[in-house]
Amino acid sequence: MEIHELVLEMKLLERRLTLYEEKYGVLSEDFYAALTSGQLSRYDEFDETRTDFSRWKGIYETWLRRKQAYVKQLGERELASTLRFQPSY
């Protein structure tokens, strides 16, 4: 996946993450840390939160993978060469 494609996908994922962040009132990074450390297990008995948390976790993990790929690719080339420049007419 090219850098510009990674950026587009990350932005789409961020929009989806924002919906959960607004609903539950915490940032995805903090939610993910709490979930993976077992701090949110008391919500497992509720169908809605269990479903939401599963989807939220999946979206965030996908975002993390895309971010890692972006950082790796960006580190392998010069930023100026990766810019998608569209001339103005």
N, C-alpha and C. Protein backbone atom coordinates (compact mmCIF):
# COMPACT_ATOMS: atom_id res chain seq x y z
N MET A 1 0.85 -1.18 0.00
CA MET A 1 0.00 0.00 0.00
C MET A 1 0.90 1.24 0.00
N GLU A 2 0.59 2.18 -0.88
CA GLU A 2 1.37 3.41 -0.98
C GLU A 2 1.08 4.35 0.20
N ILE A 3 1.99 5.28 0.44
CA ILE A 3 1.84 6.20 1.57
C ILE A 3 0.53 6.98 1.49
N HIS A 4 0.20 7.49 0.32
CA HIS A 4 -1.04 8.27 0.21
C HIS A 4 -2.27 7.41 0.47
N GLU A 5 -2.20 6.13 0.11
CA GLU A 5 -3.31 5.22 0.40
C GLU A 5 -3.41 4.95 1.90
N LEU A 6 -2.28 4.82 2.56
CA LEU A 6 -2.26 4.63 4.01
C LEU A 6 -2.87 5.84 4.71
N VAL A 7 -2.52 7.04 4.25
CA VAL A 7 -3.07 8.26 4.86
C VAL A 7 -4.58 8.28 4.70
N LEU A 8 -5.07 7.99 3.52
CA LEU A 8 -6.52 7.98 3.28
C LEU A 8 -7.22 6.96 4.17
N GLU A 9 -6.67 5.77 4.24
CA GLU A 9 -7.30 4.74 5.06
C GLU A 9 -7.26 5.10 6.54
N MET A 10 -6.13 5.66 7.00
CA MET A 10 -6.05 6.05 8.41
C MET A 10 -7.09 7.12 8.74
N LYS A 11 -7.30 8.05 7.83
CA LYS A 11 -8.29 9.10 8.06
C LYS A 11 -9.70 8.53 8.11
N LEU A 12 -10.00 7.56 7.26
CA LEU A 12 -11.30 6.90 7.31
C LEU A 12 -11.49 6.15 8.63
N LEU A 13 -10.44 5.46 9.05
CA LEU A 13 -10.49 4.74 10.32
C LEU A 13 -10.65 5.71 11.49
N GLU A 14 -9.97 6.84 11.44
CA GLU A 14 -10.08 7.84 12.50
C GLU A 14 -11.50 8.37 12.63
N ARG A 15 -12.19 8.52 11.49
CA ARG A 15 -13.59 8.95 11.55
C ARG A 15 -14.44 7.92 12.28
N ARG A 16 -14.18 6.65 12.03
CA ARG A 16 -14.93 5.60 12.72
C ARG A 16 -14.57 5.56 14.21
N LEU A 17 -13.29 5.76 14.52
CA LEU A 17 -12.86 5.77 15.92
C LEU A 17 -13.51 6.93 16.67
N THR A 18 -13.65 8.07 16.01
CA THR A 18 -14.25 9.24 16.63
C THR A 18 -15.66 8.96 17.14
N LEU A 19 -16.40 8.17 16.41
CA LEU A 19 -17.77 7.84 16.84
C LEU A 19 -17.76 7.13 18.20
N TYR A 20 -16.84 6.19 18.38
CA TYR A 20 -16.73 5.50 19.66
C TYR A 20 -16.18 6.41 20.75
N GLU A 21 -15.21 7.23 20.40
CA GLU A 21 -14.64 8.16 21.37
C GLU A 21 -15.70 9.13 21.89
N GLU A 22 -16.54 9.61 21.00
CA GLU A 22 -17.61 10.52 21.42
C GLU A 22 -18.67 9.79 22.24
N LYS A 23 -18.98 8.57 21.85
CA LYS A 23 -20.00 7.80 22.57
C LYS A 23 -19.56 7.47 24.00
N TYR A 24 -18.30 7.04 24.15
CA TYR A 24 -17.83 6.59 25.46
C TYR A 24 -16.98 7.61 26.21
N GLY A 25 -16.61 8.71 25.56
CA GLY A 25 -15.93 9.80 26.26
C GLY A 25 -14.47 9.60 26.58
N VAL A 26 -13.81 8.71 25.87
CA VAL A 26 -12.35 8.53 26.04
C VAL A 26 -11.71 8.35 24.68
N LEU A 27 -10.43 8.67 24.60
CA LEU A 27 -9.70 8.48 23.35
C LEU A 27 -9.41 7.00 23.13
N SER A 28 -9.28 6.64 21.87
CA SER A 28 -9.07 5.24 21.50
C SER A 28 -7.81 4.66 22.13
N GLU A 29 -6.76 5.44 22.20
CA GLU A 29 -5.51 4.97 22.80
C GLU A 29 -5.72 4.55 24.27
N ASP A 30 -6.47 5.36 25.01
CA ASP A 30 -6.74 5.05 26.42
C ASP A 30 -7.69 3.87 26.56
N PHE A 31 -8.70 3.81 25.69
CA PHE A 31 -9.62 2.67 25.68
C PHE A 31 -8.85 1.38 25.43
N TYR A 32 -7.98 1.38 24.42
CA TYR A 32 -7.24 0.19 24.04
C TYR A 32 -6.33 -0.28 25.17
N ALA A 33 -5.66 0.65 25.82
CA ALA A 33 -4.78 0.29 26.94
C ALA A 33 -5.58 -0.33 28.07
N ALA A 34 -6.74 0.25 28.38
CA ALA A 34 -7.59 -0.29 29.46
C ALA A 34 -8.15 -1.66 29.08
N LEU A 35 -8.57 -1.80 27.84
CA LEU A 35 -9.15 -3.08 27.40
C LEU A 35 -8.13 -4.19 27.41
N THR A 36 -6.95 -3.92 26.87
CA THR A 36 -5.93 -4.97 26.79
C THR A 36 -5.30 -5.30 28.14
N SER A 37 -5.47 -4.42 29.12
CA SER A 37 -4.95 -4.73 30.46
C SER A 37 -6.03 -5.32 31.36
N GLY A 38 -7.21 -5.56 30.80
CA GLY A 38 -8.28 -6.21 31.56
C GLY A 38 -9.11 -5.29 32.43
N GLN A 39 -8.93 -4.00 32.33
CA GLN A 39 -9.64 -3.06 33.19
C GLN A 39 -11.12 -2.90 32.82
N LEU A 40 -11.53 -3.38 31.65
CA LEU A 40 -12.91 -3.20 31.22
C LEU A 40 -13.72 -4.50 31.24
N SER A 41 -13.22 -5.51 31.91
CA SER A 41 -13.89 -6.81 31.91
C SER A 41 -15.29 -6.76 32.52
N ARG A 42 -15.57 -5.81 33.38
CA ARG A 42 -16.90 -5.74 34.00
C ARG A 42 -17.98 -5.38 32.97
N TYR A 43 -17.58 -4.89 31.80
CA TYR A 43 -18.54 -4.57 30.75
C TYR A 43 -18.84 -5.75 29.83
N ASP A 44 -18.17 -6.88 30.03
CA ASP A 44 -18.35 -8.05 29.17
C ASP A 44 -19.78 -8.59 29.20
N GLU A 45 -20.48 -8.37 30.29
CA GLU A 45 -21.84 -8.93 30.41
C GLU A 45 -22.89 -8.14 29.63
N PHE A 46 -22.54 -6.98 29.14
CA PHE A 46 -23.48 -6.15 28.39
C PHE A 46 -23.25 -6.34 26.89
N ASP A 47 -24.31 -6.78 26.20
CA ASP A 47 -24.18 -7.08 24.77
C ASP A 47 -23.71 -5.88 23.95
N GLU A 48 -24.29 -4.70 24.20
CA GLU A 48 -23.94 -3.52 23.39
C GLU A 48 -22.48 -3.14 23.57
N THR A 49 -22.02 -3.06 24.81
CA THR A 49 -20.62 -2.66 25.02
C THR A 49 -19.67 -3.74 24.53
N ARG A 50 -20.02 -5.00 24.71
CA ARG A 50 -19.15 -6.08 24.25
C ARG A 50 -18.98 -5.99 22.73
N THR A 51 -20.08 -5.75 22.02
CA THR A 51 -20.01 -5.61 20.57
C THR A 51 -19.25 -4.36 20.17
N ASP A 52 -19.58 -3.23 20.80
CA ASP A 52 -18.88 -1.97 20.51
C ASP A 52 -17.39 -2.10 20.79
N PHE A 53 -17.05 -2.66 21.93
CA PHE A 53 -15.64 -2.76 22.32
C PHE A 53 -14.87 -3.65 21.34
N SER A 54 -15.50 -4.71 20.89
CA SER A 54 -14.85 -5.60 19.93
C SER A 54 -14.59 -4.88 18.61
N ARG A 55 -15.57 -4.15 18.12
CA ARG A 55 -15.40 -3.39 16.88
C ARG A 55 -14.38 -2.27 17.05
N TRP A 56 -14.50 -1.55 18.15
CA TRP A 56 -13.58 -0.44 18.43
C TRP A 56 -12.14 -0.93 18.47
N LYS A 57 -11.92 -2.05 19.16
CA LYS A 57 -10.60 -2.65 19.26
C LYS A 57 -10.06 -3.02 17.88
N GLY A 58 -10.90 -3.64 17.06
CA GLY A 58 -10.49 -4.04 15.72
C GLY A 58 -10.12 -2.86 14.84
N ILE A 59 -10.93 -1.82 14.90
CA ILE A 59 -10.66 -0.62 14.10
C ILE A 59 -9.36 0.03 14.57
N TYR A 60 -9.17 0.09 15.89
CA TYR A 60 -7.95 0.71 16.42
C TYR A 60 -6.72 -0.10 16.05
N GLU A 61 -6.80 -1.42 16.12
CA GLU A 61 -5.65 -2.26 15.76
C GLU A 61 -5.32 -2.12 14.28
N THR A 62 -6.33 -2.00 13.44
CA THR A 62 -6.10 -1.77 12.01
C THR A 62 -5.42 -0.42 11.82
N TRP A 63 -5.90 0.60 12.53
CA TRP A 63 -5.28 1.93 12.45
C TRP A 63 -3.81 1.86 12.88
N LEU A 64 -3.52 1.13 13.96
CA LEU A 64 -2.14 0.99 14.42
C LEU A 64 -1.25 0.35 13.36
N ARG A 65 -1.75 -0.70 12.71
CA ARG A 65 -0.97 -1.36 11.65
C ARG A 65 -0.71 -0.41 10.48
N ARG A 66 -1.72 0.34 10.09
CA ARG A 66 -1.54 1.31 9.00
C ARG A 66 -0.54 2.40 9.40
N LYS A 67 -0.62 2.83 10.64
CA LYS A 67 0.30 3.86 11.13
C LYS A 67 1.73 3.33 11.12
N GLN A 68 1.93 2.10 11.55
CA GLN A 68 3.26 1.50 11.54
C GLN A 68 3.81 1.40 10.11
N ALA A 69 2.96 1.01 9.18
CA ALA A 69 3.37 0.90 7.78
C ALA A 69 3.73 2.28 7.23
N TYR A 70 2.94 3.29 7.59
CA TYR A 70 3.19 4.67 7.16
C TYR A 70 4.55 5.14 7.67
N VAL A 71 4.81 4.97 8.95
CA VAL A 71 6.07 5.40 9.56
C VAL A 71 7.25 4.68 8.92
N LYS A 72 7.09 3.38 8.68
CA LYS A 72 8.16 2.60 8.05
C LYS A 72 8.46 3.12 6.65
N GLN A 73 7.42 3.30 5.85
CA GLN A 73 7.63 3.78 4.48
C GLN A 73 8.20 5.19 4.45
N LEU A 74 7.70 6.03 5.33
CA LEU A 74 8.18 7.41 5.37
C LEU A 74 9.65 7.46 5.78
N GLY A 75 10.05 6.55 6.66
CA GLY A 75 11.45 6.49 7.09
C GLY A 75 12.39 6.00 6.01
N GLU A 76 11.84 5.34 5.01
CA GLU A 76 12.65 4.78 3.94
C GLU A 76 12.86 5.74 2.78
N ARG A 77 12.20 6.90 2.81
CA ARG A 77 12.34 7.86 1.71
C ARG A 77 12.28 9.28 2.21
N GLU A 78 12.63 10.18 1.36
CA GLU A 78 12.61 11.60 1.69
C GLU A 78 11.17 12.12 1.59
N LEU A 79 10.76 12.92 2.55
CA LEU A 79 9.40 13.43 2.58
C LEU A 79 9.04 14.18 1.30
N ALA A 80 9.96 15.01 0.81
CA ALA A 80 9.69 15.80 -0.39
C ALA A 80 9.34 14.92 -1.58
N SER A 81 9.89 13.72 -1.63
CA SER A 81 9.62 12.83 -2.76
C SER A 81 8.29 12.10 -2.62
N THR A 82 7.70 12.12 -1.44
CA THR A 82 6.43 11.43 -1.23
C THR A 82 5.22 12.35 -1.36
N LEU A 83 5.45 13.66 -1.36
CA LEU A 83 4.33 14.60 -1.48
C LEU A 83 3.63 14.42 -2.81
N ARG A 84 2.33 14.39 -2.76
CA ARG A 84 1.52 14.35 -3.99
C ARG A 84 1.17 15.78 -4.35
N PHE A 85 1.95 16.31 -5.24
CA PHE A 85 1.80 17.73 -5.59
C PHE A 85 0.93 17.87 -6.81
N GLN A 86 -0.11 18.65 -6.70
CA GLN A 86 -1.00 18.97 -7.81
C GLN A 86 -0.82 20.45 -8.14
N PRO A 87 -0.32 20.78 -9.32
CA PRO A 87 -0.11 22.19 -9.65
C PRO A 87 -1.43 22.95 -9.77
N SER A 88 -1.42 24.20 -9.39
CA SER A 88 -2.59 25.07 -9.55
C SER A 88 -2.57 25.67 -10.94
N TYR A 89 -3.73 25.83 -11.51
CA TYR A 89 -3.81 26.40 -12.85
C TYR A 89 -4.41 27.76 -12.80
